[in-house]
Amino acid sequence: MSSEPAVLLALDLSGTFAFGLNGALTAVRATRLDVVGVVVLGMITALGGGFIRDVLIDALPPATLLDWRYYTLALAGGLIAFAISKHLRKLERAITVFDAIGLSTFAVIGASTALNAGLGVVPAILLGAITAVGGGTLRDTLMGEIPSVLRTGLYAVPALMGAAVTVTAVAMGVYGPPAAFGAALTCFLVRMIGLRFSLNAPEPPETRKHKDSGDTDM
């Protein structure tokens, strides 16, 4: 469809801004950084997944370096997050929502980009999830934390679902703006439901034991 590139671009840019905000707010909440550190972590969150995706499919230089809108939105998100960080306690819900938005849009973009690069169904789904969680994983690693994708099951799972819906829509020949939004919405809703009801993937018995006893903050 002629409108498809515009829709995908809109999803990609909105996800970049959302992850820029989320990454910077998460950095403020977890660390004591100056404005440079906060903005850098916000930009890494926003751009990291796309970097990883493009390197893996050999699409170099990465798209986020070829279009000024990507790094400008990532920078803007980081600066806005720093400016409003004094209201951090009131922004817990916003941090979660922005994270879910970024996760959802990047899962769709990553999967569709992988398909356009000629990858098969399974690699496209995996690359969609990697695009979605890559930036946050880099951020958490730089902050010395266990990445979110490794400590909450309903983080990677929604990304995989959003990517799978995208790939399915393409395979059925019905992929377009409605399907793209539907795939993103699937990921978003699963992530938010998981958070609302504290749902998680199965864990080893020893991990559950520590959680119940309060010995770990995982």
N, C-alpha and C. Protein backbone atom coordinates (compact mmCIF):
# COMPACT_ATOMS: atom_id res chain seq x y z
N MET A 1 0.84 -1.19 0.00
CA MET A 1 0.00 0.00 0.00
C MET A 1 0.88 1.25 0.00
N SER A 2 0.42 2.30 -0.68
CA SER A 2 1.23 3.50 -0.78
C SER A 2 1.40 4.18 0.56
N SER A 3 0.42 4.01 1.44
CA SER A 3 0.50 4.67 2.74
C SER A 3 1.35 3.90 3.74
N GLU A 4 1.74 2.66 3.37
CA GLU A 4 2.47 1.82 4.32
C GLU A 4 3.78 2.44 4.79
N PRO A 5 4.64 2.94 3.87
CA PRO A 5 5.90 3.52 4.35
C PRO A 5 5.69 4.66 5.33
N ALA A 6 4.69 5.52 5.07
CA ALA A 6 4.43 6.64 5.96
C ALA A 6 3.98 6.16 7.33
N VAL A 7 3.15 5.12 7.35
CA VAL A 7 2.68 4.58 8.62
C VAL A 7 3.83 3.95 9.39
N LEU A 8 4.66 3.18 8.70
CA LEU A 8 5.80 2.55 9.37
C LEU A 8 6.77 3.60 9.89
N LEU A 9 6.97 4.66 9.11
CA LEU A 9 7.85 5.74 9.56
C LEU A 9 7.28 6.42 10.80
N ALA A 10 5.95 6.64 10.79
CA ALA A 10 5.32 7.26 11.96
C ALA A 10 5.47 6.38 13.19
N LEU A 11 5.30 5.08 13.03
CA LEU A 11 5.48 4.16 14.14
C LEU A 11 6.93 4.18 14.64
N ASP A 12 7.85 4.18 13.71
CA ASP A 12 9.27 4.16 14.06
C ASP A 12 9.66 5.43 14.81
N LEU A 13 9.22 6.58 14.32
CA LEU A 13 9.57 7.85 14.96
C LEU A 13 8.91 7.99 16.33
N SER A 14 7.64 7.55 16.43
CA SER A 14 6.97 7.64 17.72
C SER A 14 7.63 6.71 18.74
N GLY A 15 8.05 5.53 18.29
CA GLY A 15 8.76 4.62 19.19
C GLY A 15 10.09 5.18 19.62
N THR A 16 10.78 5.85 18.71
CA THR A 16 12.07 6.45 19.03
C THR A 16 11.91 7.51 20.11
N PHE A 17 10.92 8.37 19.95
CA PHE A 17 10.68 9.41 20.96
C PHE A 17 10.26 8.81 22.29
N ALA A 18 9.37 7.83 22.24
CA ALA A 18 8.89 7.20 23.47
C ALA A 18 10.03 6.52 24.23
N PHE A 19 10.89 5.81 23.51
CA PHE A 19 12.01 5.14 24.15
C PHE A 19 13.05 6.16 24.65
N GLY A 20 13.19 7.29 23.95
CA GLY A 20 14.09 8.33 24.42
C GLY A 20 13.63 8.86 25.77
N LEU A 21 12.34 9.11 25.89
CA LEU A 21 11.76 9.55 27.16
C LEU A 21 11.91 8.48 28.23
N ASN A 22 11.50 7.27 27.88
CA ASN A 22 11.54 6.18 28.86
C ASN A 22 12.94 5.88 29.33
N GLY A 23 13.88 5.81 28.39
CA GLY A 23 15.25 5.49 28.76
C GLY A 23 15.86 6.51 29.68
N ALA A 24 15.62 7.79 29.40
CA ALA A 24 16.16 8.85 30.24
C ALA A 24 15.50 8.86 31.62
N LEU A 25 14.18 8.69 31.66
CA LEU A 25 13.48 8.67 32.94
C LEU A 25 13.92 7.48 33.79
N THR A 26 14.12 6.35 33.14
CA THR A 26 14.60 5.17 33.86
C THR A 26 16.00 5.41 34.41
N ALA A 27 16.84 6.09 33.65
CA ALA A 27 18.20 6.41 34.10
C ALA A 27 18.16 7.34 35.31
N VAL A 28 17.27 8.33 35.28
CA VAL A 28 17.14 9.25 36.41
C VAL A 28 16.69 8.51 37.65
N ARG A 29 15.76 7.59 37.47
CA ARG A 29 15.21 6.86 38.60
C ARG A 29 16.24 5.93 39.23
N ALA A 30 17.12 5.36 38.44
CA ALA A 30 18.02 4.33 38.93
C ALA A 30 19.42 4.83 39.27
N THR A 31 19.80 5.98 38.77
CA THR A 31 21.18 6.43 38.94
C THR A 31 21.23 7.91 39.28
N ARG A 32 22.42 8.36 39.66
CA ARG A 32 22.66 9.79 39.88
C ARG A 32 23.56 10.29 38.76
N LEU A 33 22.97 10.74 37.68
CA LEU A 33 23.71 11.18 36.51
C LEU A 33 23.43 12.65 36.23
N ASP A 34 24.38 13.29 35.54
CA ASP A 34 24.13 14.66 35.10
C ASP A 34 23.32 14.62 33.82
N VAL A 35 23.07 15.79 33.24
CA VAL A 35 22.22 15.86 32.06
C VAL A 35 22.81 15.08 30.89
N VAL A 36 24.13 15.07 30.76
CA VAL A 36 24.76 14.33 29.66
C VAL A 36 24.50 12.83 29.80
N GLY A 37 24.71 12.31 31.01
CA GLY A 37 24.50 10.89 31.23
C GLY A 37 23.06 10.48 31.00
N VAL A 38 22.12 11.29 31.47
CA VAL A 38 20.70 10.98 31.30
C VAL A 38 20.31 10.97 29.83
N VAL A 39 20.76 12.00 29.09
CA VAL A 39 20.40 12.10 27.68
C VAL A 39 21.06 10.98 26.87
N VAL A 40 22.31 10.67 27.18
CA VAL A 40 23.00 9.59 26.46
C VAL A 40 22.28 8.27 26.65
N LEU A 41 21.88 7.96 27.88
CA LEU A 41 21.17 6.70 28.11
C LEU A 41 19.81 6.70 27.43
N GLY A 42 19.16 7.87 27.40
CA GLY A 42 17.90 7.96 26.68
C GLY A 42 18.08 7.70 25.20
N MET A 43 19.14 8.25 24.61
CA MET A 43 19.39 8.05 23.18
C MET A 43 19.80 6.62 22.89
N ILE A 44 20.55 6.01 23.78
CA ILE A 44 20.93 4.60 23.59
C ILE A 44 19.69 3.72 23.60
N THR A 45 18.77 4.02 24.52
CA THR A 45 17.52 3.25 24.59
C THR A 45 16.73 3.40 23.30
N ALA A 46 16.68 4.62 22.78
CA ALA A 46 15.87 4.90 21.60
C ALA A 46 16.49 4.38 20.31
N LEU A 47 17.80 4.41 20.21
CA LEU A 47 18.46 4.09 18.95
C LEU A 47 19.15 2.73 18.94
N GLY A 48 19.40 2.17 20.12
CA GLY A 48 20.19 0.94 20.21
C GLY A 48 19.58 -0.24 19.49
N GLY A 49 18.27 -0.44 19.63
CA GLY A 49 17.62 -1.57 18.98
C GLY A 49 17.72 -1.49 17.47
N GLY A 50 17.54 -0.28 16.93
CA GLY A 50 17.65 -0.10 15.48
C GLY A 50 19.07 -0.32 14.99
N PHE A 51 20.05 0.10 15.80
CA PHE A 51 21.44 -0.14 15.44
C PHE A 51 21.71 -1.64 15.33
N ILE A 52 21.28 -2.38 16.35
CA ILE A 52 21.50 -3.82 16.36
C ILE A 52 20.82 -4.47 15.16
N ARG A 53 19.58 -4.08 14.91
CA ARG A 53 18.83 -4.63 13.77
C ARG A 53 19.56 -4.40 12.46
N ASP A 54 19.98 -3.18 12.21
CA ASP A 54 20.60 -2.85 10.93
C ASP A 54 21.96 -3.52 10.77
N VAL A 55 22.70 -3.66 11.85
CA VAL A 55 23.98 -4.37 11.78
C VAL A 55 23.74 -5.83 11.43
N LEU A 56 22.74 -6.45 12.03
CA LEU A 56 22.47 -7.86 11.80
C LEU A 56 22.02 -8.14 10.37
N ILE A 57 21.32 -7.21 9.74
CA ILE A 57 20.86 -7.43 8.37
C ILE A 57 21.78 -6.73 7.37
N ASP A 58 22.91 -6.21 7.86
CA ASP A 58 23.92 -5.58 7.02
C ASP A 58 23.35 -4.38 6.27
N ALA A 59 22.48 -3.61 6.93
CA ALA A 59 21.94 -2.38 6.36
C ALA A 59 22.72 -1.21 6.94
N LEU A 60 23.88 -0.95 6.37
CA LEU A 60 24.80 0.05 6.91
C LEU A 60 25.00 1.20 5.92
N PRO A 61 25.19 2.42 6.46
CA PRO A 61 25.10 2.78 7.88
C PRO A 61 23.66 2.66 8.40
N PRO A 62 23.48 2.50 9.71
CA PRO A 62 22.14 2.33 10.27
C PRO A 62 21.19 3.46 9.87
N ALA A 63 19.94 3.10 9.70
CA ALA A 63 18.93 4.07 9.26
C ALA A 63 18.83 5.26 10.20
N THR A 64 19.05 5.02 11.49
CA THR A 64 18.93 6.10 12.46
C THR A 64 20.03 7.15 12.32
N LEU A 65 21.09 6.83 11.59
CA LEU A 65 22.14 7.81 11.34
C LEU A 65 21.94 8.55 10.02
N LEU A 66 21.07 8.02 9.18
CA LEU A 66 20.84 8.61 7.87
C LEU A 66 19.68 9.60 7.87
N ASP A 67 18.84 9.55 8.90
CA ASP A 67 17.68 10.42 8.99
C ASP A 67 17.77 11.21 10.29
N TRP A 68 17.92 12.52 10.16
CA TRP A 68 18.12 13.38 11.33
C TRP A 68 16.96 13.31 12.31
N ARG A 69 15.79 12.92 11.86
CA ARG A 69 14.63 12.90 12.75
C ARG A 69 14.79 11.89 13.87
N TYR A 70 15.47 10.79 13.61
CA TYR A 70 15.62 9.75 14.64
C TYR A 70 16.43 10.27 15.82
N TYR A 71 17.66 10.72 15.54
CA TYR A 71 18.48 11.14 16.68
C TYR A 71 18.00 12.45 17.29
N THR A 72 17.28 13.27 16.49
CA THR A 72 16.72 14.49 17.06
C THR A 72 15.60 14.17 18.04
N LEU A 73 14.73 13.23 17.67
CA LEU A 73 13.65 12.84 18.58
C LEU A 73 14.19 12.13 19.81
N ALA A 74 15.22 11.31 19.62
CA ALA A 74 15.83 10.64 20.78
C ALA A 74 16.44 11.67 21.73
N LEU A 75 17.12 12.66 21.17
CA LEU A 75 17.71 13.73 21.98
C LEU A 75 16.63 14.53 22.68
N ALA A 76 15.56 14.86 21.96
CA ALA A 76 14.47 15.63 22.55
C ALA A 76 13.83 14.87 23.70
N GLY A 77 13.63 13.57 23.50
CA GLY A 77 13.04 12.76 24.56
C GLY A 77 13.90 12.76 25.81
N GLY A 78 15.22 12.64 25.62
CA GLY A 78 16.13 12.65 26.76
C GLY A 78 16.13 13.98 27.49
N LEU A 79 16.12 15.08 26.74
CA LEU A 79 16.12 16.40 27.36
C LEU A 79 14.82 16.69 28.10
N ILE A 80 13.71 16.29 27.49
CA ILE A 80 12.42 16.48 28.15
C ILE A 80 12.36 15.68 29.44
N ALA A 81 12.85 14.44 29.38
CA ALA A 81 12.85 13.59 30.58
C ALA A 81 13.68 14.22 31.69
N PHE A 82 14.84 14.78 31.34
CA PHE A 82 15.68 15.43 32.35
C PHE A 82 14.96 16.64 32.95
N ALA A 83 14.27 17.40 32.11
CA ALA A 83 13.60 18.60 32.56
C ALA A 83 12.47 18.31 33.53
N ILE A 84 11.79 17.18 33.33
CA ILE A 84 10.64 16.87 34.19
C ILE A 84 10.99 15.84 35.27
N SER A 85 12.27 15.52 35.40
CA SER A 85 12.66 14.46 36.32
C SER A 85 12.38 14.79 37.79
N LYS A 86 12.22 16.08 38.10
CA LYS A 86 11.93 16.44 39.49
C LYS A 86 10.55 15.93 39.91
N HIS A 87 9.74 15.59 38.94
CA HIS A 87 8.41 15.04 39.22
C HIS A 87 8.41 13.52 39.05
N LEU A 88 9.57 12.91 39.25
CA LEU A 88 9.75 11.50 38.92
C LEU A 88 8.71 10.60 39.60
N ARG A 89 8.42 10.85 40.86
CA ARG A 89 7.48 9.98 41.58
C ARG A 89 6.10 9.99 40.94
N LYS A 90 5.76 11.08 40.31
CA LYS A 90 4.46 11.19 39.66
C LYS A 90 4.48 10.59 38.26
N LEU A 91 5.66 10.21 37.80
CA LEU A 91 5.81 9.77 36.41
C LEU A 91 6.00 8.27 36.26
N GLU A 92 5.82 7.51 37.35
CA GLU A 92 6.02 6.07 37.28
C GLU A 92 5.14 5.42 36.22
N ARG A 93 3.88 5.80 36.19
CA ARG A 93 2.98 5.24 35.19
C ARG A 93 3.39 5.64 33.78
N ALA A 94 3.82 6.91 33.64
CA ALA A 94 4.24 7.38 32.32
C ALA A 94 5.46 6.61 31.83
N ILE A 95 6.39 6.33 32.73
CA ILE A 95 7.58 5.57 32.34
C ILE A 95 7.18 4.22 31.78
N THR A 96 6.25 3.57 32.45
CA THR A 96 5.78 2.26 32.02
C THR A 96 5.08 2.33 30.67
N VAL A 97 4.23 3.34 30.48
CA VAL A 97 3.49 3.48 29.23
C VAL A 97 4.43 3.78 28.07
N PHE A 98 5.37 4.69 28.27
CA PHE A 98 6.33 5.01 27.21
C PHE A 98 7.15 3.78 26.83
N ASP A 99 7.52 2.99 27.83
CA ASP A 99 8.28 1.78 27.55
C ASP A 99 7.46 0.82 26.70
N ALA A 100 6.19 0.65 27.04
CA ALA A 100 5.32 -0.25 26.28
C ALA A 100 5.10 0.24 24.86
N ILE A 101 5.00 1.57 24.68
CA ILE A 101 4.83 2.13 23.34
C ILE A 101 6.07 1.86 22.49
N GLY A 102 7.24 2.13 23.06
CA GLY A 102 8.47 1.88 22.32
C GLY A 102 8.64 0.41 21.99
N LEU A 103 8.36 -0.45 22.96
CA LEU A 103 8.46 -1.89 22.75
C LEU A 103 7.57 -2.33 21.60
N SER A 104 6.35 -1.82 21.58
CA SER A 104 5.35 -2.24 20.59
C SER A 104 5.71 -1.78 19.19
N THR A 105 6.06 -0.52 19.05
CA THR A 105 6.35 -0.01 17.72
C THR A 105 7.63 -0.61 17.14
N PHE A 106 8.63 -0.81 17.98
CA PHE A 106 9.88 -1.36 17.48
C PHE A 106 9.76 -2.84 17.12
N ALA A 107 8.89 -3.57 17.81
CA ALA A 107 8.67 -4.98 17.45
C ALA A 107 8.10 -5.09 16.04
N VAL A 108 7.16 -4.20 15.72
CA VAL A 108 6.55 -4.20 14.39
C VAL A 108 7.56 -3.77 13.33
N ILE A 109 8.27 -2.68 13.61
CA ILE A 109 9.23 -2.16 12.65
C ILE A 109 10.36 -3.17 12.41
N GLY A 110 10.85 -3.77 13.49
CA GLY A 110 11.94 -4.73 13.35
C GLY A 110 11.55 -5.92 12.50
N ALA A 111 10.34 -6.44 12.72
CA ALA A 111 9.88 -7.60 11.96
C ALA A 111 9.66 -7.26 10.49
N SER A 112 9.03 -6.13 10.23
CA SER A 112 8.77 -5.75 8.84
C SER A 112 10.07 -5.43 8.10
N THR A 113 11.02 -4.81 8.80
CA THR A 113 12.32 -4.51 8.18
C THR A 113 13.05 -5.80 7.84
N ALA A 114 12.98 -6.77 8.74
CA ALA A 114 13.63 -8.06 8.50
C ALA A 114 13.03 -8.76 7.29
N LEU A 115 11.71 -8.72 7.16
CA LEU A 115 11.06 -9.34 6.00
C LEU A 115 11.47 -8.63 4.71
N ASN A 116 11.54 -7.31 4.77
CA ASN A 116 11.95 -6.55 3.57
C ASN A 116 13.39 -6.86 3.18
N ALA A 117 14.19 -7.29 4.18
CA ALA A 117 15.58 -7.63 3.90
C ALA A 117 15.73 -9.06 3.40
N GLY A 118 14.61 -9.79 3.29
CA GLY A 118 14.64 -11.13 2.75
C GLY A 118 14.74 -12.24 3.77
N LEU A 119 14.60 -11.93 5.05
CA LEU A 119 14.68 -12.96 6.08
C LEU A 119 13.39 -13.77 6.12
N GLY A 120 13.49 -14.98 6.66
CA GLY A 120 12.33 -15.86 6.78
C GLY A 120 11.47 -15.50 7.98
N VAL A 121 10.45 -16.32 8.20
CA VAL A 121 9.47 -16.04 9.24
C VAL A 121 10.09 -16.00 10.64
N VAL A 122 10.77 -17.06 11.02
CA VAL A 122 11.33 -17.12 12.37
C VAL A 122 12.40 -16.05 12.60
N PRO A 123 13.37 -15.87 11.67
CA PRO A 123 14.35 -14.81 11.87
C PRO A 123 13.71 -13.43 11.97
N ALA A 124 12.63 -13.20 11.21
CA ALA A 124 11.96 -11.90 11.25
C ALA A 124 11.31 -11.66 12.60
N ILE A 125 10.70 -12.69 13.17
CA ILE A 125 10.09 -12.55 14.49
C ILE A 125 11.16 -12.28 15.54
N LEU A 126 12.25 -13.01 15.46
CA LEU A 126 13.34 -12.82 16.42
C LEU A 126 13.94 -11.42 16.29
N LEU A 127 14.12 -10.96 15.06
CA LEU A 127 14.71 -9.64 14.86
C LEU A 127 13.76 -8.54 15.32
N GLY A 128 12.46 -8.78 15.18
CA GLY A 128 11.50 -7.83 15.71
C GLY A 128 11.63 -7.68 17.21
N ALA A 129 11.77 -8.81 17.90
CA ALA A 129 11.93 -8.77 19.36
C ALA A 129 13.26 -8.14 19.74
N ILE A 130 14.31 -8.45 19.01
CA ILE A 130 15.63 -7.88 19.30
C ILE A 130 15.61 -6.36 19.13
N THR A 131 14.94 -5.91 18.07
CA THR A 131 14.82 -4.46 17.85
C THR A 131 14.10 -3.80 19.02
N ALA A 132 13.07 -4.48 19.53
CA ALA A 132 12.26 -3.91 20.60
C ALA A 132 13.00 -3.85 21.93
N VAL A 133 13.78 -4.88 22.24
CA VAL A 133 14.40 -4.95 23.58
C VAL A 133 15.87 -4.53 23.57
N GLY A 134 16.44 -4.34 22.37
CA GLY A 134 17.88 -4.09 22.28
C GLY A 134 18.34 -2.83 22.99
N GLY A 135 17.64 -1.72 22.76
CA GLY A 135 18.04 -0.46 23.36
C GLY A 135 17.96 -0.49 24.88
N GLY A 136 16.86 -1.04 25.40
CA GLY A 136 16.70 -1.13 26.84
C GLY A 136 17.73 -2.05 27.47
N THR A 137 18.12 -3.10 26.74
CA THR A 137 19.14 -4.02 27.24
C THR A 137 20.49 -3.31 27.35
N LEU A 138 20.84 -2.53 26.33
CA LEU A 138 22.09 -1.76 26.38
C LEU A 138 22.06 -0.77 27.54
N ARG A 139 20.94 -0.09 27.72
CA ARG A 139 20.81 0.89 28.81
C ARG A 139 21.01 0.23 30.16
N ASP A 140 20.28 -0.87 30.40
CA ASP A 140 20.38 -1.55 31.69
C ASP A 140 21.78 -2.06 31.95
N THR A 141 22.43 -2.57 30.90
CA THR A 141 23.79 -3.07 31.04
C THR A 141 24.74 -1.95 31.44
N LEU A 142 24.61 -0.80 30.81
CA LEU A 142 25.47 0.34 31.14
C LEU A 142 25.21 0.85 32.55
N MET A 143 23.99 0.65 33.06
CA MET A 143 23.68 1.08 34.42
C MET A 143 24.04 0.01 35.45
N GLY A 144 24.59 -1.12 34.97
CA GLY A 144 24.97 -2.18 35.89
C GLY A 144 23.81 -2.97 36.44
N GLU A 145 22.71 -3.05 35.69
CA GLU A 145 21.53 -3.78 36.12
C GLU A 145 21.29 -4.99 35.22
N ILE A 146 20.58 -5.97 35.75
CA ILE A 146 20.14 -7.09 34.92
C ILE A 146 19.09 -6.55 33.95
N PRO A 147 19.28 -6.72 32.64
CA PRO A 147 18.32 -6.19 31.66
C PRO A 147 16.90 -6.65 31.94
N SER A 148 15.96 -5.75 31.67
CA SER A 148 14.54 -6.05 31.91
C SER A 148 14.10 -7.31 31.19
N VAL A 149 14.64 -7.52 29.98
CA VAL A 149 14.22 -8.67 29.19
C VAL A 149 14.57 -9.98 29.87
N LEU A 150 15.56 -9.98 30.78
CA LEU A 150 15.98 -11.19 31.46
C LEU A 150 15.31 -11.38 32.82
N ARG A 151 14.61 -10.37 33.31
CA ARG A 151 14.02 -10.52 34.63
C ARG A 151 12.50 -10.41 34.64
N THR A 152 11.91 -10.16 33.48
CA THR A 152 10.45 -10.19 33.42
C THR A 152 10.03 -10.89 32.14
N GLY A 153 9.30 -11.96 32.28
CA GLY A 153 8.90 -12.76 31.13
C GLY A 153 7.97 -12.03 30.19
N LEU A 154 7.13 -11.15 30.73
CA LEU A 154 6.20 -10.42 29.87
C LEU A 154 6.82 -9.11 29.41
N TYR A 155 8.04 -9.20 28.95
CA TYR A 155 8.70 -8.09 28.27
C TYR A 155 9.09 -8.55 26.87
N ALA A 156 9.84 -9.64 26.81
CA ALA A 156 10.18 -10.20 25.50
C ALA A 156 8.96 -10.87 24.86
N VAL A 157 8.10 -11.49 25.66
CA VAL A 157 6.95 -12.20 25.12
C VAL A 157 6.02 -11.27 24.33
N PRO A 158 5.63 -10.09 24.86
CA PRO A 158 4.81 -9.19 24.04
C PRO A 158 5.49 -8.76 22.75
N ALA A 159 6.81 -8.53 22.82
CA ALA A 159 7.55 -8.15 21.61
C ALA A 159 7.50 -9.26 20.57
N LEU A 160 7.68 -10.49 21.02
CA LEU A 160 7.59 -11.63 20.10
C LEU A 160 6.19 -11.75 19.50
N MET A 161 5.18 -11.50 20.32
CA MET A 161 3.80 -11.58 19.82
C MET A 161 3.52 -10.50 18.78
N GLY A 162 3.96 -9.27 19.06
CA GLY A 162 3.77 -8.19 18.10
C GLY A 162 4.48 -8.48 16.79
N ALA A 163 5.69 -9.00 16.88
CA ALA A 163 6.44 -9.36 15.68
C ALA A 163 5.76 -10.49 14.93
N ALA A 164 5.23 -11.47 15.67
CA ALA A 164 4.56 -12.61 15.04
C ALA A 164 3.30 -12.18 14.31
N VAL A 165 2.54 -11.26 14.90
CA VAL A 165 1.33 -10.76 14.24
C VAL A 165 1.72 -10.03 12.95
N THR A 166 2.80 -9.28 12.99
CA THR A 166 3.28 -8.57 11.80
C THR A 166 3.64 -9.55 10.69
N VAL A 167 4.42 -10.56 11.04
CA VAL A 167 4.85 -11.54 10.05
C VAL A 167 3.65 -12.30 9.49
N THR A 168 2.70 -12.64 10.34
CA THR A 168 1.50 -13.35 9.90
C THR A 168 0.70 -12.51 8.92
N ALA A 169 0.56 -11.23 9.22
CA ALA A 169 -0.20 -10.34 8.33
C ALA A 169 0.47 -10.24 6.96
N VAL A 170 1.80 -10.17 6.96
CA VAL A 170 2.52 -10.12 5.68
C VAL A 170 2.33 -11.42 4.90
N ALA A 171 2.42 -12.55 5.60
CA ALA A 171 2.27 -13.85 4.95
C ALA A 171 0.87 -14.02 4.35
N MET A 172 -0.13 -13.43 5.01
CA MET A 172 -1.52 -13.54 4.52
C MET A 172 -1.85 -12.49 3.48
N GLY A 173 -0.91 -11.59 3.22
CA GLY A 173 -1.14 -10.56 2.22
C GLY A 173 -2.06 -9.46 2.66
N VAL A 174 -2.21 -9.27 3.96
CA VAL A 174 -3.12 -8.23 4.47
C VAL A 174 -2.37 -7.15 5.26
N TYR A 175 -1.05 -7.14 5.12
CA TYR A 175 -0.28 -6.17 5.91
C TYR A 175 -0.46 -4.77 5.34
N GLY A 176 -0.73 -3.85 6.20
CA GLY A 176 -0.91 -2.45 5.85
C GLY A 176 -1.06 -1.65 7.13
N PRO A 177 -1.48 -0.40 7.05
CA PRO A 177 -1.62 0.42 8.26
C PRO A 177 -2.46 -0.21 9.36
N PRO A 178 -3.66 -0.76 9.05
CA PRO A 178 -4.44 -1.37 10.13
C PRO A 178 -3.73 -2.54 10.79
N ALA A 179 -3.09 -3.39 9.98
CA ALA A 179 -2.39 -4.55 10.53
C ALA A 179 -1.19 -4.12 11.36
N ALA A 180 -0.48 -3.08 10.91
CA ALA A 180 0.68 -2.59 11.66
C ALA A 180 0.25 -2.06 13.03
N PHE A 181 -0.82 -1.27 13.04
CA PHE A 181 -1.32 -0.76 14.31
C PHE A 181 -1.86 -1.89 15.18
N GLY A 182 -2.50 -2.86 14.55
CA GLY A 182 -3.02 -4.00 15.30
C GLY A 182 -1.92 -4.81 15.95
N ALA A 183 -0.82 -5.00 15.23
CA ALA A 183 0.31 -5.74 15.78
C ALA A 183 0.93 -4.99 16.95
N ALA A 184 1.09 -3.67 16.78
CA ALA A 184 1.64 -2.85 17.86
C ALA A 184 0.70 -2.85 19.07
N LEU A 185 -0.60 -2.78 18.80
CA LEU A 185 -1.57 -2.76 19.89
C LEU A 185 -1.56 -4.09 20.65
N THR A 186 -1.38 -5.19 19.94
CA THR A 186 -1.29 -6.50 20.59
C THR A 186 -0.14 -6.54 21.59
N CYS A 187 1.02 -6.09 21.15
CA CYS A 187 2.18 -6.05 22.03
C CYS A 187 1.93 -5.15 23.22
N PHE A 188 1.39 -3.96 22.95
CA PHE A 188 1.15 -2.98 24.02
C PHE A 188 0.20 -3.53 25.08
N LEU A 189 -0.91 -4.12 24.63
CA LEU A 189 -1.91 -4.61 25.58
C LEU A 189 -1.39 -5.78 26.42
N VAL A 190 -0.67 -6.69 25.77
CA VAL A 190 -0.11 -7.83 26.52
C VAL A 190 0.87 -7.34 27.57
N ARG A 191 1.71 -6.37 27.21
CA ARG A 191 2.67 -5.82 28.16
C ARG A 191 1.96 -5.15 29.33
N MET A 192 0.95 -4.34 29.04
CA MET A 192 0.25 -3.61 30.10
C MET A 192 -0.57 -4.55 30.98
N ILE A 193 -1.19 -5.57 30.38
CA ILE A 193 -1.93 -6.55 31.18
C ILE A 193 -0.99 -7.30 32.10
N GLY A 194 0.17 -7.67 31.57
CA GLY A 194 1.15 -8.36 32.40
C GLY A 194 1.58 -7.53 33.60
N LEU A 195 1.78 -6.24 33.37
CA LEU A 195 2.15 -5.36 34.48
C LEU A 195 1.01 -5.16 35.46
N ARG A 196 -0.19 -5.00 34.90
CA ARG A 196 -1.36 -4.74 35.78
C ARG A 196 -1.62 -5.90 36.72
N PHE A 197 -1.46 -7.12 36.22
CA PHE A 197 -1.77 -8.30 37.04
C PHE A 197 -0.53 -9.05 37.50
N SER A 198 0.63 -8.40 37.36
CA SER A 198 1.90 -8.99 37.81
C SER A 198 2.12 -10.38 37.24
N LEU A 199 1.83 -10.53 35.96
CA LEU A 199 2.02 -11.82 35.29
C LEU A 199 3.47 -11.97 34.87
N ASN A 200 3.92 -13.19 34.82
CA ASN A 200 5.30 -13.43 34.45
C ASN A 200 5.41 -14.82 33.84
N ALA A 201 6.52 -15.05 33.18
CA ALA A 201 6.80 -16.38 32.66
C ALA A 201 7.20 -17.29 33.81
N PRO A 202 7.10 -18.61 33.62
CA PRO A 202 7.51 -19.54 34.69
C PRO A 202 8.96 -19.31 35.10
N GLU A 203 9.21 -19.43 36.40
CA GLU A 203 10.54 -19.21 36.94
C GLU A 203 11.01 -20.45 37.68
N PRO A 204 12.32 -20.61 37.84
CA PRO A 204 12.84 -21.74 38.64
C PRO A 204 12.32 -21.65 40.07
N PRO A 205 12.09 -22.79 40.71
CA PRO A 205 11.58 -22.79 42.09
C PRO A 205 12.45 -21.97 43.05
N GLU A 206 13.76 -22.01 42.86
CA GLU A 206 14.64 -21.28 43.77
C GLU A 206 14.44 -19.77 43.64
N THR A 207 14.16 -19.30 42.41
CA THR A 207 13.91 -17.88 42.21
C THR A 207 12.64 -17.47 42.92
N ARG A 208 11.58 -18.28 42.80
CA ARG A 208 10.33 -17.96 43.47
C ARG A 208 10.50 -17.96 44.98
N LYS A 209 11.32 -18.87 45.47
CA LYS A 209 11.56 -18.96 46.90
C LYS A 209 12.19 -17.67 47.42
N HIS A 210 13.19 -17.15 46.69
CA HIS A 210 13.85 -15.92 47.10
C HIS A 210 12.89 -14.74 47.04
N LYS A 211 12.05 -14.72 46.02
CA LYS A 211 11.09 -13.62 45.90
C LYS A 211 10.13 -13.62 47.08
N ASP A 212 9.63 -14.80 47.40
CA ASP A 212 8.67 -14.90 48.49
C ASP A 212 9.27 -14.49 49.83
N SER A 213 10.57 -14.76 49.98
CA SER A 213 11.23 -14.44 51.25
C SER A 213 11.76 -13.03 51.27
N GLY A 214 11.69 -12.33 50.10
CA GLY A 214 12.17 -10.96 50.04
C GLY A 214 13.66 -10.84 49.97
N ASP A 215 14.38 -11.91 49.57
CA ASP A 215 15.83 -11.88 49.53
C ASP A 215 16.37 -11.28 48.25
N THR A 216 15.52 -11.02 47.27
CA THR A 216 15.99 -10.47 46.01
C THR A 216 14.97 -9.49 45.51
N ASP A 217 15.45 -8.53 44.71
CA ASP A 217 14.55 -7.53 44.15
C ASP A 217 14.24 -7.81 42.69
N MET A 218 14.55 -9.00 42.23
CA MET A 218 14.27 -9.33 40.82
C MET A 218 12.77 -9.34 40.56
